[in-house]
């Protein structure tokens, strides 16, 4: 019997549809809020550039990663 690597197990948990709906939804709401609060004035004044797009992407990536870490921590508790 083949034992699956723990990282692969975690990846499968995070990529399951039910978990992606939850963590993706959290990332969408929180990322949008963070972008609005932190970048709206810059976007309105100067538009978008590559540096700002990276910051916006991180606004969405951060809550996605944090919610997945919470999901994994809850699974192993």
PDB file of N, CA and C in Angstrom:
ATOM      1  N   UNK A   1       0.837  -1.190   0.000  1.00  0.00           N
ATOM      2  CA  UNK A   1       0.000   0.000   0.000  1.00  0.00           C
ATOM      3  C   UNK A   1       0.883   1.255   0.000  1.00  0.00           C
ATOM      4  N   UNK A   2       0.626   2.147  -0.927  1.00  0.00           N
ATOM      5  CA  UNK A   2       1.416   3.362  -1.064  1.00  0.00           C
ATOM      6  C   UNK A   2       0.896   4.426  -0.097  1.00  0.00           C
ATOM      7  N   UNK A   3       1.816   5.015   0.668  1.00  0.00           N
ATOM      8  CA  UNK A   3       1.460   6.083   1.601  1.00  0.00           C
ATOM      9  C   UNK A   3       1.678   7.415   0.895  1.00  0.00           C
ATOM     10  N   UNK A   4       0.657   8.261   0.955  1.00  0.00           N
ATOM     11  CA  UNK A   4       0.717   9.550   0.274  1.00  0.00           C
ATOM     12  C   UNK A   4       1.510  10.560   1.106  1.00  0.00           C
ATOM     13  N   UNK A   5       2.316  11.345   0.429  1.00  0.00           N
ATOM     14  CA  UNK A   5       3.118  12.367   1.095  1.00  0.00           C
ATOM     15  C   UNK A   5       2.189  13.371   1.789  1.00  0.00           C
ATOM     16  N   UNK A   6       2.543  13.825   3.014  1.00  0.00           N
ATOM     17  CA  UNK A   6       1.675  14.769   3.743  1.00  0.00           C
ATOM     18  C   UNK A   6       1.373  16.059   2.979  1.00  0.00           C
ATOM     19  N   UNK A   7       2.343  16.552   2.219  1.00  0.00           N
ATOM     20  CA  UNK A   7       2.102  17.782   1.445  1.00  0.00           C
ATOM     21  C   UNK A   7       1.028  17.538   0.390  1.00  0.00           C
ATOM     22  N   UNK A   8       1.063  16.373  -0.235  1.00  0.00           N
ATOM     23  CA  UNK A   8       0.050  16.038  -1.236  1.00  0.00           C
ATOM     24  C   UNK A   8      -1.328  15.908  -0.575  1.00  0.00           C
ATOM     25  N   UNK A   9      -1.366  15.356   0.612  1.00  0.00           N
ATOM     26  CA  UNK A   9      -2.636  15.250   1.345  1.00  0.00           C
ATOM     27  C   UNK A   9      -3.196  16.645   1.627  1.00  0.00           C
ATOM     28  N   UNK A  10      -2.327  17.551   2.076  1.00  0.00           N
ATOM     29  CA  UNK A  10      -2.775  18.916   2.361  1.00  0.00           C
ATOM     30  C   UNK A  10      -3.248  19.611   1.092  1.00  0.00           C
ATOM     31  N   UNK A  11      -2.527  19.412   0.000  1.00  0.00           N
ATOM     32  CA  UNK A  11      -2.910  20.003  -1.277  1.00  0.00           C
ATOM     33  C   UNK A  11      -4.286  19.519  -1.707  1.00  0.00           C
ATOM     34  N   UNK A  12      -4.544  18.227  -1.563  1.00  0.00           N
ATOM     35  CA  UNK A  12      -5.849  17.672  -1.947  1.00  0.00           C
ATOM     36  C   UNK A  12      -6.965  18.233  -1.080  1.00  0.00           C
ATOM     37  N   UNK A  13      -6.694  18.412   0.209  1.00  0.00           N
ATOM     38  CA  UNK A  13      -7.706  18.982   1.106  1.00  0.00           C
ATOM     39  C   UNK A  13      -8.027  20.411   0.670  1.00  0.00           C
ATOM     40  N   UNK A  14      -6.993  21.212   0.439  1.00  0.00           N
ATOM     41  CA  UNK A  14      -7.204  22.614   0.072  1.00  0.00           C
ATOM     42  C   UNK A  14      -7.857  22.773  -1.295  1.00  0.00           C
ATOM     43  N   UNK A  15      -7.649  21.802  -2.177  1.00  0.00           N
ATOM     44  CA  UNK A  15      -8.191  21.890  -3.539  1.00  0.00           C
ATOM     45  C   UNK A  15      -9.535  21.198  -3.705  1.00  0.00           C
ATOM     46  N   UNK A  16     -10.079  20.656  -2.629  1.00  0.00           N
ATOM     47  CA  UNK A  16     -11.410  20.049  -2.756  1.00  0.00           C
ATOM     48  C   UNK A  16     -12.424  21.165  -3.013  1.00  0.00           C
ATOM     49  N   UNK A  17     -13.419  20.878  -3.821  1.00  0.00           N
ATOM     50  CA  UNK A  17     -14.370  21.899  -4.255  1.00  0.00           C
ATOM     51  C   UNK A  17     -15.050  22.599  -3.084  1.00  0.00           C
ATOM     52  N   UNK A  18     -15.460  21.844  -2.078  1.00  0.00           N
ATOM     53  CA  UNK A  18     -16.158  22.465  -0.945  1.00  0.00           C
ATOM     54  C   UNK A  18     -15.239  23.428  -0.192  1.00  0.00           C
ATOM     55  N   UNK A  19     -13.969  23.071  -0.064  1.00  0.00           N
ATOM     56  CA  UNK A  19     -13.047  23.964   0.623  1.00  0.00           C
ATOM     57  C   UNK A  19     -12.671  25.155  -0.253  1.00  0.00           C
ATOM     58  N   UNK A  20     -12.511  24.928  -1.552  1.00  0.00           N
ATOM     59  CA  UNK A  20     -12.204  26.048  -2.452  1.00  0.00           C
ATOM     60  C   UNK A  20     -13.325  27.081  -2.483  1.00  0.00           C
ATOM     61  N   UNK A  21     -14.569  26.618  -2.405  1.00  0.00           N
ATOM     62  CA  UNK A  21     -15.692  27.571  -2.371  1.00  0.00           C
ATOM     63  C   UNK A  21     -15.589  28.447  -1.131  1.00  0.00           C
ATOM     64  N   UNK A  22     -15.276  27.837   0.001  1.00  0.00           N
ATOM     65  CA  UNK A  22     -15.193  28.598   1.250  1.00  0.00           C
ATOM     66  C   UNK A  22     -13.981  29.526   1.267  1.00  0.00           C
ATOM     67  N   UNK A  23     -12.797  28.978   1.014  1.00  0.00           N
ATOM     68  CA  UNK A  23     -11.582  29.788   1.091  1.00  0.00           C
ATOM     69  C   UNK A  23     -11.525  30.818  -0.040  1.00  0.00           C
ATOM     70  N   UNK A  24     -12.030  30.463  -1.203  1.00  0.00           N
ATOM     71  CA  UNK A  24     -12.091  31.419  -2.310  1.00  0.00           C
ATOM     72  C   UNK A  24     -13.053  32.549  -2.023  1.00  0.00           C
ATOM     73  N   UNK A  25     -14.176  32.217  -1.408  1.00  0.00           N
ATOM     74  CA  UNK A  25     -15.140  33.255  -1.028  1.00  0.00           C
ATOM     75  C   UNK A  25     -14.566  34.215  -0.004  1.00  0.00           C
ATOM     76  N   UNK A  26     -13.866  33.656   0.971  1.00  0.00           N
ATOM     77  CA  UNK A  26     -13.211  34.498   1.984  1.00  0.00           C
ATOM     78  C   UNK A  26     -12.193  35.415   1.313  1.00  0.00           C
ATOM     79  N   UNK A  27     -11.369  34.843   0.431  1.00  0.00           N
ATOM     80  CA  UNK A  27     -10.353  35.638  -0.257  1.00  0.00           C
ATOM     81  C   UNK A  27     -10.985  36.738  -1.103  1.00  0.00           C
ATOM     82  N   UNK A  28     -12.092  36.430  -1.754  1.00  0.00           N
ATOM     83  CA  UNK A  28     -12.765  37.418  -2.593  1.00  0.00           C
ATOM     84  C   UNK A  28     -13.282  38.588  -1.759  1.00  0.00           C
ATOM     85  N   UNK A  29     -13.946  38.290  -0.659  1.00  0.00           N
ATOM     86  CA  UNK A  29     -14.515  39.350   0.185  1.00  0.00           C
ATOM     87  C   UNK A  29     -13.410  40.161   0.853  1.00  0.00           C
ATOM     88  N   UNK A  30     -12.477  39.476   1.512  1.00  0.00           N
ATOM     89  CA  UNK A  30     -11.425  40.182   2.247  1.00  0.00           C
ATOM     90  C   UNK A  30     -10.477  40.907   1.284  1.00  0.00           C
ATOM     91  N   UNK A  31     -10.121  40.258   0.178  1.00  0.00           N
ATOM     92  CA  UNK A  31      -9.232  40.887  -0.795  1.00  0.00           C
ATOM     93  C   UNK A  31      -9.835  42.141  -1.405  1.00  0.00           C
ATOM     94  N   UNK A  32     -11.123  42.090  -1.692  1.00  0.00           N
ATOM     95  CA  UNK A  32     -11.801  43.270  -2.233  1.00  0.00           C
ATOM     96  C   UNK A  32     -11.822  44.396  -1.214  1.00  0.00           C
ATOM     97  N   UNK A  33     -12.124  44.046   0.029  1.00  0.00           N
ATOM     98  CA  UNK A  33     -12.141  45.048   1.095  1.00  0.00           C
ATOM     99  C   UNK A  33     -10.756  45.670   1.276  1.00  0.00           C
ATOM    100  N   UNK A  34      -9.712  44.833   1.335  1.00  0.00           N
ATOM    101  CA  UNK A  34      -8.354  45.347   1.512  1.00  0.00           C
ATOM    102  C   UNK A  34      -7.951  46.248   0.351  1.00  0.00           C
ATOM    103  N   UNK A  35      -8.309  45.861  -0.850  1.00  0.00           N
ATOM    104  CA  UNK A  35      -7.981  46.678  -2.021  1.00  0.00           C
ATOM    105  C   UNK A  35      -8.707  48.011  -1.958  1.00  0.00           C
ATOM    106  N   UNK A  36      -9.981  47.977  -1.596  1.00  0.00           N
ATOM    107  CA  UNK A  36     -10.751  49.216  -1.495  1.00  0.00           C
ATOM    108  C   UNK A  36     -10.164  50.136  -0.432  1.00  0.00           C
ATOM    109  N   UNK A  37      -9.891  49.596   0.737  1.00  0.00           N
ATOM    110  CA  UNK A  37      -9.402  50.417   1.848  1.00  0.00           C
ATOM    111  C   UNK A  37      -7.990  50.943   1.577  1.00  0.00           C
ATOM    112  N   UNK A  38      -7.124  50.084   1.060  1.00  0.00           N
ATOM    113  CA  UNK A  38      -5.712  50.453   0.952  1.00  0.00           C
ATOM    114  C   UNK A  38      -5.295  51.049  -0.388  1.00  0.00           C
ATOM    115  N   UNK A  39      -6.036  50.781  -1.463  1.00  0.00           N
ATOM    116  CA  UNK A  39      -5.560  51.181  -2.783  1.00  0.00           C
ATOM    117  C   UNK A  39      -6.533  52.043  -3.583  1.00  0.00           C
ATOM    118  N   UNK A  40      -7.738  52.234  -3.121  1.00  0.00           N
ATOM    119  CA  UNK A  40      -8.740  52.956  -3.917  1.00  0.00           C
ATOM    120  C   UNK A  40      -8.277  54.358  -4.295  1.00  0.00           C
ATOM    121  N   UNK A  41      -7.673  55.074  -3.355  1.00  0.00           N
ATOM    122  CA  UNK A  41      -7.221  56.434  -3.658  1.00  0.00           C
ATOM    123  C   UNK A  41      -6.098  56.436  -4.692  1.00  0.00           C
ATOM    124  N   UNK A  42      -5.210  55.450  -4.612  1.00  0.00           N
ATOM    125  CA  UNK A  42      -4.111  55.358  -5.580  1.00  0.00           C
ATOM    126  C   UNK A  42      -4.648  55.004  -6.963  1.00  0.00           C
ATOM    127  N   UNK A  43      -5.585  54.077  -7.008  1.00  0.00           N
ATOM    128  CA  UNK A  43      -6.184  53.683  -8.284  1.00  0.00           C
ATOM    129  C   UNK A  43      -6.903  54.873  -8.912  1.00  0.00           C
ATOM    130  N   UNK A  44      -7.651  55.606  -8.090  1.00  0.00           N
ATOM    131  CA  UNK A  44      -8.399  56.753  -8.605  1.00  0.00           C
ATOM    132  C   UNK A  44      -7.464  57.856  -9.097  1.00  0.00           C
ATOM    133  N   UNK A  45      -6.363  58.066  -8.405  1.00  0.00           N
ATOM    134  CA  UNK A  45      -5.463  59.159  -8.759  1.00  0.00           C
ATOM    135  C   UNK A  45      -4.510  58.812  -9.903  1.00  0.00           C
ATOM    136  N   UNK A  46      -4.033  57.563  -9.922  1.00  0.00           N
ATOM    137  CA  UNK A  46      -2.959  57.233 -10.856  1.00  0.00           C
ATOM    138  C   UNK A  46      -3.256  56.057 -11.782  1.00  0.00           C
ATOM    139  N   UNK A  47      -4.363  55.378 -11.575  1.00  0.00           N
ATOM    140  CA  UNK A  47      -4.658  54.203 -12.390  1.00  0.00           C
ATOM    141  C   UNK A  47      -3.859  52.991 -11.931  1.00  0.00           C
ATOM    142  N   UNK A  48      -3.836  51.996 -12.772  1.00  0.00           N
ATOM    143  CA  UNK A  48      -3.161  50.745 -12.430  1.00  0.00           C
ATOM    144  C   UNK A  48      -1.809  50.646 -13.119  1.00  0.00           C
ATOM    145  N   UNK A  49      -0.829  50.159 -12.394  1.00  0.00           N
ATOM    146  CA  UNK A  49       0.455  49.809 -12.994  1.00  0.00           C
ATOM    147  C   UNK A  49       0.844  48.428 -12.466  1.00  0.00           C
ATOM    148  N   UNK A  50       1.947  47.892 -12.944  1.00  0.00           N
ATOM    149  CA  UNK A  50       2.317  46.522 -12.584  1.00  0.00           C
ATOM    150  C   UNK A  50       2.593  46.377 -11.091  1.00  0.00           C
ATOM    151  N   UNK A  51       3.208  47.374 -10.486  1.00  0.00           N
ATOM    152  CA  UNK A  51       3.483  47.316  -9.038  1.00  0.00           C
ATOM    153  C   UNK A  51       2.186  47.268  -8.231  1.00  0.00           C
ATOM    154  N   UNK A  52       1.238  48.067  -8.614  1.00  0.00           N
ATOM    155  CA  UNK A  52      -0.046  48.096  -7.917  1.00  0.00           C
ATOM    156  C   UNK A  52      -0.818  46.792  -8.134  1.00  0.00           C
ATOM    157  N   UNK A  53      -0.734  46.238  -9.335  1.00  0.00           N
ATOM    158  CA  UNK A  53      -1.408  44.962  -9.597  1.00  0.00           C
ATOM    159  C   UNK A  53      -0.838  43.834  -8.736  1.00  0.00           C
ATOM    160  N   UNK A  54       0.460  43.872  -8.478  1.00  0.00           N
ATOM    161  CA  UNK A  54       1.062  42.875  -7.586  1.00  0.00           C
ATOM    162  C   UNK A  54       0.526  43.046  -6.172  1.00  0.00           C
ATOM    163  N   UNK A  55       0.420  44.279  -5.709  1.00  0.00           N
ATOM    164  CA  UNK A  55      -0.138  44.537  -4.376  1.00  0.00           C
ATOM    165  C   UNK A  55      -1.585  44.059  -4.294  1.00  0.00           C
ATOM    166  N   UNK A  56      -2.353  44.299  -5.328  1.00  0.00           N
ATOM    167  CA  UNK A  56      -3.750  43.861  -5.339  1.00  0.00           C
ATOM    168  C   UNK A  56      -3.828  42.340  -5.323  1.00  0.00           C
ATOM    169  N   UNK A  57      -2.979  41.686  -6.104  1.00  0.00           N
ATOM    170  CA  UNK A  57      -2.953  40.216  -6.100  1.00  0.00           C
ATOM    171  C   UNK A  57      -2.632  39.688  -4.708  1.00  0.00           C
ATOM    172  N   UNK A  58      -1.711  40.335  -4.018  1.00  0.00           N
ATOM    173  CA  UNK A  58      -1.385  39.911  -2.644  1.00  0.00           C
ATOM    174  C   UNK A  58      -2.546  40.154  -1.683  1.00  0.00           C
ATOM    175  N   UNK A  59      -3.366  41.181  -1.963  1.00  0.00           N
ATOM    176  CA  UNK A  59      -4.558  41.408  -1.143  1.00  0.00           C
ATOM    177  C   UNK A  59      -5.515  40.220  -1.209  1.00  0.00           C
ATOM    178  N   UNK A  60      -5.531  39.526  -2.320  1.00  0.00           N
ATOM    179  CA  UNK A  60      -6.394  38.351  -2.474  1.00  0.00           C
ATOM    180  C   UNK A  60      -5.679  37.069  -2.050  1.00  0.00           C
ATOM    181  N   UNK A  61      -4.391  36.976  -2.331  1.00  0.00           N
ATOM    182  CA  UNK A  61      -3.640  35.773  -2.000  1.00  0.00           C
ATOM    183  C   UNK A  61      -3.495  35.577  -0.494  1.00  0.00           C
ATOM    184  N   UNK A  62      -3.274  36.651   0.242  1.00  0.00           N
ATOM    185  CA  UNK A  62      -3.057  36.547   1.682  1.00  0.00           C
ATOM    186  C   UNK A  62      -4.238  35.922   2.418  1.00  0.00           C
ATOM    187  N   UNK A  63      -5.470  36.406   2.253  1.00  0.00           N
ATOM    188  CA  UNK A  63      -6.574  35.753   2.968  1.00  0.00           C
ATOM    189  C   UNK A  63      -6.839  34.336   2.461  1.00  0.00           C
ATOM    190  N   UNK A  64      -6.523  34.062   1.199  1.00  0.00           N
ATOM    191  CA  UNK A  64      -6.687  32.704   0.679  1.00  0.00           C
ATOM    192  C   UNK A  64      -5.733  31.744   1.398  1.00  0.00           C
ATOM    193  N   UNK A  65      -4.482  32.152   1.535  1.00  0.00           N
ATOM    194  CA  UNK A  65      -3.498  31.317   2.222  1.00  0.00           C
ATOM    195  C   UNK A  65      -3.850  31.169   3.697  1.00  0.00           C
ATOM    196  N   UNK A  66      -4.215  32.259   4.346  1.00  0.00           N
ATOM    197  CA  UNK A  66      -4.538  32.212   5.766  1.00  0.00           C
ATOM    198  C   UNK A  66      -5.762  31.327   6.024  1.00  0.00           C
ATOM    199  N   UNK A  67      -6.776  31.428   5.196  1.00  0.00           N
ATOM    200  CA  UNK A  67      -7.967  30.596   5.402  1.00  0.00           C
ATOM    201  C   UNK A  67      -7.652  29.126   5.151  1.00  0.00           C
ATOM    202  N   UNK A  68      -6.760  28.825   4.207  1.00  0.00           N
ATOM    203  CA  UNK A  68      -6.354  27.440   3.990  1.00  0.00           C
ATOM    204  C   UNK A  68      -5.516  26.919   5.154  1.00  0.00           C
ATOM    205  N   UNK A  69      -4.656  27.746   5.715  1.00  0.00           N
ATOM    206  CA  UNK A  69      -3.887  27.335   6.889  1.00  0.00           C
ATOM    207  C   UNK A  69      -4.814  27.052   8.069  1.00  0.00           C
ATOM    208  N   UNK A  70      -5.840  27.876   8.225  1.00  0.00           N
ATOM    209  CA  UNK A  70      -6.828  27.620   9.272  1.00  0.00           C
ATOM    210  C   UNK A  70      -7.571  26.315   9.043  1.00  0.00           C
ATOM    211  N   UNK A  71      -7.906  26.062   7.804  1.00  0.00           N
ATOM    212  CA  UNK A  71      -8.572  24.814   7.444  1.00  0.00           C
ATOM    213  C   UNK A  71      -7.694  23.616   7.791  1.00  0.00           C
ATOM    214  N   UNK A  72      -6.415  23.681   7.424  1.00  0.00           N
ATOM    215  CA  UNK A  72      -5.504  22.585   7.711  1.00  0.00           C
ATOM    216  C   UNK A  72      -5.248  22.426   9.211  1.00  0.00           C
ATOM    217  N   UNK A  73      -5.159  23.536   9.935  1.00  0.00           N
ATOM    218  CA  UNK A  73      -4.950  23.473  11.382  1.00  0.00           C
ATOM    219  C   UNK A  73      -6.154  22.824  12.059  1.00  0.00           C
ATOM    220  N   UNK A  74      -7.340  23.158  11.596  1.00  0.00           N
ATOM    221  CA  UNK A  74      -8.555  22.572  12.173  1.00  0.00           C
ATOM    222  C   UNK A  74      -8.617  21.082  11.900  1.00  0.00           C
ATOM    223  N   UNK A  75      -8.151  20.663  10.726  1.00  0.00           N
ATOM    224  CA  UNK A  75      -8.157  19.239  10.376  1.00  0.00           C
ATOM    225  C   UNK A  75      -7.217  18.432  11.248  1.00  0.00           C
ATOM    226  N   UNK A  76      -6.095  19.033  11.655  1.00  0.00           N
ATOM    227  CA  UNK A  76      -5.096  18.310  12.414  1.00  0.00           C
ATOM    228  C   UNK A  76      -5.223  18.508  13.914  1.00  0.00           C
ATOM    229  N   UNK A  77      -6.201  19.283  14.348  1.00  0.00           N
ATOM    230  CA  UNK A  77      -6.394  19.520  15.780  1.00  0.00           C
ATOM    231  C   UNK A  77      -7.113  18.370  16.444  1.00  0.00           C
TER     232      UNK A  77
END
